[in-house]
Every structure is written in structure tokens, then in C-alpha cells.
Amino acid sequence: MVDGAVAANRARRSADRIVFLGHATTLIELDGVVLLTDPLLRGRVLHLRRQVPPVDRGLVANPAAVLVSHLHLDHLDLPSLRHLGRATPLVVPGGAGGWLRRQRFTEVTELNVGEEAKVGTLAITAVEARHNGHRRPGGPQAQAMGYLVRGSKSVYFAGDTELFDGMSEFATPSARLDVALLPVAGWGPTLGPGHMDPLDAARALRLLNPRLAIPIHWGTLLPIAISGRYRARLGDPPRQFAEHAASLAPAVEVRILEPGQEATF
């Protein structure tokens, strides 16, 4: 699919790792292949302002592919995708491809739940998410989804989703997940439907049973009008998640990464 980019990334590989870049943006480096999830590289989106240091643009240059979970503005950010380059390979939900091609992105692969794409040596499988993924106002309609990334190890990126029993199908006793990247908050003090709070994310661990869990979708964005009042509470959701996980899924290791930090695995 993208052999040149894969080769460039393999040359700089040091170890399999996850870098949490803020909100739902992560860098997954596995078997020398670098993927980005839901890249949001700007300091502001509409009324939301980034509360943490900016993304290192050099770190995210030339990914082998970008995985987009759904079309909401804080997950599919057109200026961020343009910064990466319109020829950057995109893996997107079914129904989004035509719209992105009209935005002059040239390497777009659409997946529906259960379908698979290859990126270098990695297999990318689209899996169910329970979330309204339509782009508003007046944008295209496409389902929300998560992704399973499989190579020598396996990573589950949940995107945005509420808790549902079908998560147990993403791993089996003979093919245990190595890493689960789970959303534990949102971009404000409350959560609407289609999300997991820290307790629901910990309950998800009992279904997924990964070796390692990393909380994402927290601590990055706040509405400008309330940022002063709530900034000090941005770190609460991952700590609450770790506390619930210790009780509900004690066999799962939890690592909390601040935006910009990485974990090797």
C-alpha cells in the first residue's frame, strides 16, 4: 500500500511504542511501521483550545498511514491532514472516501466493520464502535469505528465509543491484545452519549483483557469560555481510570501518558 513510507519509518525504528499526542491522536510504531490515529495537530478547533504543549511536527512527519475513526471535527481535522500531505495514505470509515477525495486527498482506503487493509507488514481491521460519527453541520454521513492493528503484536484503538458487550470479540485467549488505547473522557466537563467515562473504560478492560491499557481522549482540549475553571481537573479522568482498573481488571497494566510521552512495549 505504502512501501516507500514504510521503508523510511523502518529505518528510524527503535522499538515498538505508543506516543500519546493528545486527545485521540496517537502514534503507533509497530514492526517499524508508523501509524497516526485521528491526527489533531492544531492548537484550536472552533471553540476548543489545546491546553498542553503543541505536537512535535517532526515526530508525525511521513506516517505510513493515518487511521480515522469517525468524521467529527476533533477526530477528522482537515487542516491537520493537509499538513501531513494530501498524498498521505488515509484509512477511513465507509462513506467518507468520496468526500475526502473531493478535498483532494489522493490515497484513501475505505473500510466497513470487519474489513481489512494492509499497511506494510501490518493488518488493519475495522471494528465496531458505538458512536454517532456523522459530520455536522451538513457534512457526510459515515459510521464510527475502531481499529485493530496486528503485526508481531496487536493494538486496539477504540476511537470514540460507548461500552458494549461485543468488545469481547476483539481478542481471544489464544490471541490476547497487547495494547488497548481507550478513551476515558471528552473535551469538556461532561460526556454525552457514545462515550466512555473512566469507570466504563475500566469495565471495558474486563471484556478486552489487554496486557497493557493506555487512557486517551483526555487532558487536551477545553472550551475557551471554561478553560480557566477546569484546567486543573484535566488529569482526573486517567487517574480515576487507573483506580477503577486496579479493582476491576487487576491483571491489566495501566500506563498513564501525558501528551507527548511514549510507552514502549
Protein backbone atom coordinates (compact mmCIF):
# COMPACT_ATOMS: atom_id res chain seq x y z
CA MET A 1 0.00 0.00 0.00
CA VAL A 2 2.71 2.48 1.02
CA ASP A 3 6.07 0.76 0.71
CA GLY A 4 8.18 3.94 0.47
CA ALA A 5 6.82 5.47 3.65
CA VAL A 6 7.10 2.12 5.44
CA ALA A 7 10.77 1.82 4.46
CA ALA A 8 11.52 5.35 5.68
CA ASN A 9 9.87 4.71 9.01
CA ARG A 10 11.56 1.33 9.46
CA ALA A 11 14.94 2.99 9.12
CA ARG A 12 14.30 5.19 12.17
CA ARG A 13 12.68 2.47 14.27
CA SER A 14 13.98 1.98 17.79
CA ALA A 15 11.25 -0.08 19.47
CA ASP A 16 7.56 -0.85 19.30
CA ARG A 17 5.93 2.09 21.02
CA ILE A 18 2.87 4.24 21.57
CA VAL A 19 3.16 8.02 21.76
CA PHE A 20 0.15 9.84 23.17
CA LEU A 21 -0.03 13.17 21.34
CA GLY A 22 -3.24 14.42 22.94
CA HIS A 23 -6.97 13.85 22.61
CA ALA A 24 -7.40 10.82 20.25
CA THR A 25 -4.13 11.43 18.43
CA THR A 26 -1.58 8.69 18.98
CA LEU A 27 1.48 7.45 17.15
CA ILE A 28 1.63 3.66 16.92
CA GLU A 29 5.01 2.28 15.88
CA LEU A 30 4.91 -1.48 15.38
CA ASP A 31 7.38 -3.64 13.45
CA GLY A 32 8.93 -0.50 12.00
CA VAL A 33 5.62 0.81 10.62
CA VAL A 34 4.36 4.17 11.91
CA LEU A 35 0.64 4.94 12.07
CA LEU A 36 -1.19 8.03 13.30
CA THR A 37 -4.70 7.94 14.73
CA ASP A 38 -7.18 10.81 14.40
CA PRO A 39 -4.49 13.49 13.98
CA LEU A 40 -5.36 16.82 15.56
CA LEU A 41 -2.19 18.88 15.26
CA ARG A 42 -3.52 22.40 15.77
CA GLY A 43 -3.85 24.49 18.88
CA ARG A 44 -7.53 25.28 18.37
CA VAL A 45 -10.61 23.74 16.76
CA LEU A 46 -13.67 26.02 16.77
CA HIS A 47 -14.28 26.88 20.44
CA LEU A 48 -11.85 24.26 21.73
CA ARG A 49 -8.32 25.28 22.70
CA ARG A 50 -5.37 22.98 23.33
CA GLN A 51 -4.30 23.06 26.98
CA VAL A 52 -0.98 21.21 26.61
CA PRO A 53 2.22 21.82 24.61
CA PRO A 54 1.89 21.59 20.81
CA VAL A 55 2.50 18.40 18.88
CA ASP A 56 6.07 17.89 17.68
CA ARG A 57 5.50 18.18 13.94
CA GLY A 58 8.76 16.36 13.19
CA LEU A 59 7.56 13.34 15.13
CA VAL A 60 4.45 12.93 12.97
CA ALA A 61 6.09 13.52 9.59
CA ASN A 62 5.67 10.83 6.93
CA PRO A 63 3.48 8.23 8.65
CA ALA A 64 2.87 5.04 6.75
CA ALA A 65 -0.88 5.68 7.14
CA VAL A 66 -3.43 7.64 9.13
CA LEU A 67 -6.35 5.84 10.77
CA VAL A 68 -9.51 7.98 11.08
CA SER A 69 -12.15 6.63 13.45
CA HIS A 70 -15.01 8.98 12.52
CA LEU A 71 -15.78 12.34 10.98
CA HIS A 72 -16.29 14.63 13.97
CA LEU A 73 -14.23 17.80 13.78
CA ASP A 74 -11.99 16.83 16.70
CA HIS A 75 -11.14 13.47 15.07
CA LEU A 76 -11.02 14.28 11.36
CA ASP A 77 -9.33 17.68 11.19
CA LEU A 78 -8.81 18.72 7.59
CA PRO A 79 -6.03 21.28 8.26
CA SER A 80 -4.06 18.63 10.18
CA LEU A 81 -4.47 16.13 7.34
CA ARG A 82 -3.38 18.76 4.83
CA HIS A 83 -0.28 19.43 6.92
CA LEU A 84 0.62 15.74 6.68
CA GLY A 85 0.19 15.95 2.91
CA ARG A 86 -2.64 15.11 0.58
CA ALA A 87 -0.79 12.00 -0.62
CA THR A 88 -0.60 10.55 2.91
CA PRO A 89 -2.48 7.24 2.94
CA LEU A 90 -5.75 7.51 4.87
CA VAL A 91 -7.81 4.62 6.23
CA VAL A 92 -11.33 5.88 6.85
CA PRO A 93 -14.87 4.65 7.56
CA GLY A 94 -17.03 3.56 4.65
CA GLY A 95 -18.86 6.55 3.22
CA ALA A 96 -16.07 9.05 3.88
CA GLY A 97 -13.84 8.29 0.91
CA GLY A 98 -15.62 10.25 -1.79
CA TRP A 99 -15.84 13.35 0.37
CA LEU A 100 -12.12 13.20 1.20
CA ARG A 101 -11.20 12.72 -2.43
CA ARG A 102 -13.19 15.86 -3.20
CA GLN A 103 -10.93 17.56 -0.65
CA ARG A 104 -8.05 16.42 -2.93
CA PHE A 105 -6.69 13.63 -0.76
CA THR A 106 -5.39 11.04 -3.19
CA GLU A 107 -4.68 7.88 -1.15
CA VAL A 108 -7.92 6.97 0.61
CA THR A 109 -8.95 3.45 1.66
CA GLU A 110 -12.49 2.96 2.95
CA LEU A 111 -13.26 0.16 5.38
CA ASN A 112 -16.51 -1.11 6.81
CA VAL A 113 -16.65 -3.04 10.06
CA GLY A 114 -14.94 -6.40 9.59
CA GLU A 115 -12.90 -5.35 6.56
CA GLU A 116 -9.11 -5.27 6.50
CA ALA A 117 -6.35 -3.24 4.85
CA LYS A 118 -2.61 -3.88 4.73
CA VAL A 119 -0.10 -1.18 5.64
CA GLY A 120 3.35 -2.60 5.12
CA THR A 121 3.51 -5.74 7.21
CA LEU A 122 0.58 -4.71 9.42
CA ALA A 123 -3.05 -5.77 9.10
CA ILE A 124 -5.59 -3.06 9.95
CA THR A 125 -9.10 -4.32 10.75
CA ALA A 126 -12.09 -2.03 11.23
CA VAL A 127 -14.15 -2.96 14.28
CA GLU A 128 -17.43 -1.77 15.71
CA ALA A 129 -17.79 1.43 17.71
CA ARG A 130 -20.98 2.73 19.31
CA HIS A 131 -20.87 6.43 18.49
CA ASN A 132 -22.60 8.83 16.11
CA GLY A 133 -19.89 9.55 13.54
CA HIS A 134 -21.75 11.93 11.22
CA ARG A 135 -20.03 15.19 10.39
CA ARG A 136 -22.01 18.28 11.25
CA PRO A 137 -23.20 20.70 10.12
CA GLY A 138 -24.19 19.38 6.72
CA GLY A 139 -21.23 17.08 6.23
CA PRO A 140 -21.09 13.48 5.02
CA GLN A 141 -22.51 10.56 6.95
CA ALA A 142 -20.29 7.63 7.87
CA GLN A 143 -20.21 5.12 10.68
CA ALA A 144 -17.82 5.43 13.57
CA MET A 145 -15.36 2.59 14.10
CA GLY A 146 -12.30 1.46 15.97
CA TYR A 147 -9.28 -0.35 14.58
CA LEU A 148 -7.30 -3.47 15.42
CA VAL A 149 -3.66 -3.19 14.34
CA ARG A 150 -1.90 -6.53 14.10
CA GLY A 151 1.71 -7.40 13.38
CA SER A 152 4.07 -9.17 15.75
CA LYS A 153 1.88 -7.58 18.45
CA SER A 154 -1.68 -6.25 18.49
CA VAL A 155 -3.09 -2.81 19.34
CA TYR A 156 -6.74 -1.80 19.69
CA PHE A 157 -7.57 1.85 19.04
CA ALA A 158 -11.14 2.48 20.18
CA GLY A 159 -11.73 5.92 18.65
CA ASP A 160 -14.91 7.18 20.34
CA THR A 161 -17.34 4.61 21.63
CA GLU A 162 -19.58 3.69 24.49
CA LEU A 163 -19.15 0.39 26.31
CA PHE A 164 -20.75 -2.63 24.63
CA ASP A 165 -20.56 -6.39 25.12
CA GLY A 166 -19.19 -7.02 21.62
CA MET A 167 -15.80 -5.70 22.68
CA SER A 168 -15.11 -9.18 23.98
CA GLU A 169 -14.84 -10.35 20.34
CA PHE A 170 -11.78 -8.17 19.66
CA ALA A 171 -9.46 -10.62 21.43
CA THR A 172 -9.44 -14.28 22.33
CA PRO A 173 -7.49 -16.30 24.92
CA SER A 174 -5.22 -17.54 22.11
CA ALA A 175 -4.73 -14.04 20.65
CA ARG A 176 -4.63 -11.67 23.60
CA LEU A 177 -4.43 -7.97 22.86
CA ASP A 178 -1.09 -6.41 23.71
CA VAL A 179 -2.30 -2.80 23.98
CA ALA A 180 -5.70 -1.11 24.28
CA LEU A 181 -5.97 2.64 23.67
CA LEU A 182 -9.20 3.59 25.43
CA PRO A 183 -10.98 6.95 25.64
CA VAL A 184 -11.74 7.93 29.22
CA ALA A 185 -13.12 11.49 28.90
CA GLY A 186 -14.08 14.13 26.34
CA TRP A 187 -13.32 17.78 25.68
CA GLY A 188 -15.38 19.29 28.47
CA PRO A 189 -16.63 18.65 32.00
CA THR A 190 -19.49 16.39 30.84
CA LEU A 191 -19.87 13.47 28.42
CA GLY A 192 -22.74 12.89 26.04
CA PRO A 193 -23.92 9.51 24.73
CA GLY A 194 -21.48 7.40 22.76
CA HIS A 195 -18.54 7.85 25.13
CA MET A 196 -16.87 6.01 27.98
CA ASP A 197 -16.11 7.64 31.30
CA PRO A 198 -13.27 6.28 33.49
CA LEU A 199 -15.49 3.61 35.06
CA ASP A 200 -16.87 2.36 31.73
CA ALA A 201 -13.37 2.26 30.26
CA ALA A 202 -12.23 0.12 33.20
CA ARG A 203 -15.22 -2.16 32.66
CA ALA A 204 -14.13 -2.47 29.02
CA LEU A 205 -10.85 -3.95 30.23
CA ARG A 206 -12.75 -6.98 31.56
CA LEU A 207 -14.04 -7.59 28.02
CA LEU A 208 -10.80 -6.81 26.17
CA ASN A 209 -8.24 -8.23 28.64
CA PRO A 210 -5.20 -6.49 27.11
CA ARG A 211 -1.74 -6.79 28.57
CA LEU A 212 -1.41 -3.00 28.64
CA ALA A 213 -4.01 -0.21 28.69
CA ILE A 214 -3.27 3.42 27.89
CA PRO A 215 -6.01 6.02 28.51
CA ILE A 216 -6.53 8.55 25.70
CA HIS A 217 -9.06 11.26 24.81
CA TRP A 218 -8.39 13.31 27.94
CA GLY A 219 -6.47 16.33 29.15
CA THR A 220 -6.06 18.12 25.84
CA LEU A 221 -8.97 20.33 24.80
CA LEU A 222 -11.32 22.65 26.66
CA PRO A 223 -13.88 25.20 25.52
CA ILE A 224 -12.29 28.63 25.72
CA ALA A 225 -15.02 30.00 27.99
CA ILE A 226 -14.39 27.50 30.78
CA SER A 227 -10.70 26.64 30.37
CA GLY A 228 -9.61 28.65 33.40
CA ARG A 229 -12.05 26.88 35.72
CA TYR A 230 -11.45 23.31 34.55
CA ARG A 231 -7.77 23.19 33.56
CA ALA A 232 -6.67 21.90 36.96
CA ARG A 233 -9.05 18.93 36.63
CA LEU A 234 -7.80 17.71 33.25
CA GLY A 235 -5.70 14.95 34.80
CA ASP A 236 -8.51 13.47 36.88
CA PRO A 237 -10.02 11.01 34.31
CA PRO A 238 -6.90 8.86 33.70
CA ARG A 239 -6.20 8.63 37.43
CA GLN A 240 -9.79 7.58 38.07
CA PHE A 241 -9.50 5.04 35.24
CA ALA A 242 -6.36 3.55 36.80
CA GLU A 243 -8.08 3.29 40.19
CA HIS A 244 -11.12 1.53 38.71
CA ALA A 245 -8.89 -0.74 36.60
CA ALA A 246 -6.93 -1.84 39.66
CA SER A 247 -10.19 -3.12 41.15
CA LEU A 248 -11.99 -4.43 38.06
CA ALA A 249 -9.09 -5.72 35.93
CA PRO A 250 -6.05 -6.12 38.19
CA ALA A 251 -4.20 -8.30 35.65
CA VAL A 252 -4.04 -5.40 33.17
CA GLU A 253 -1.15 -2.98 33.40
CA VAL A 254 -2.23 0.67 33.09
CA ARG A 255 0.20 3.36 31.97
CA ILE A 256 -0.84 6.99 32.05
CA LEU A 257 0.96 9.06 29.44
CA GLU A 258 0.91 12.84 29.43
CA PRO A 259 0.52 14.32 25.94
CA GLY A 260 3.89 13.94 24.26
CA GLN A 261 5.03 10.96 26.35
CA GLU A 262 5.59 7.47 24.98
CA ALA A 263 5.45 3.88 26.18
CA THR A 264 7.45 1.05 24.67
CA PHE A 265 6.02 -2.44 24.65
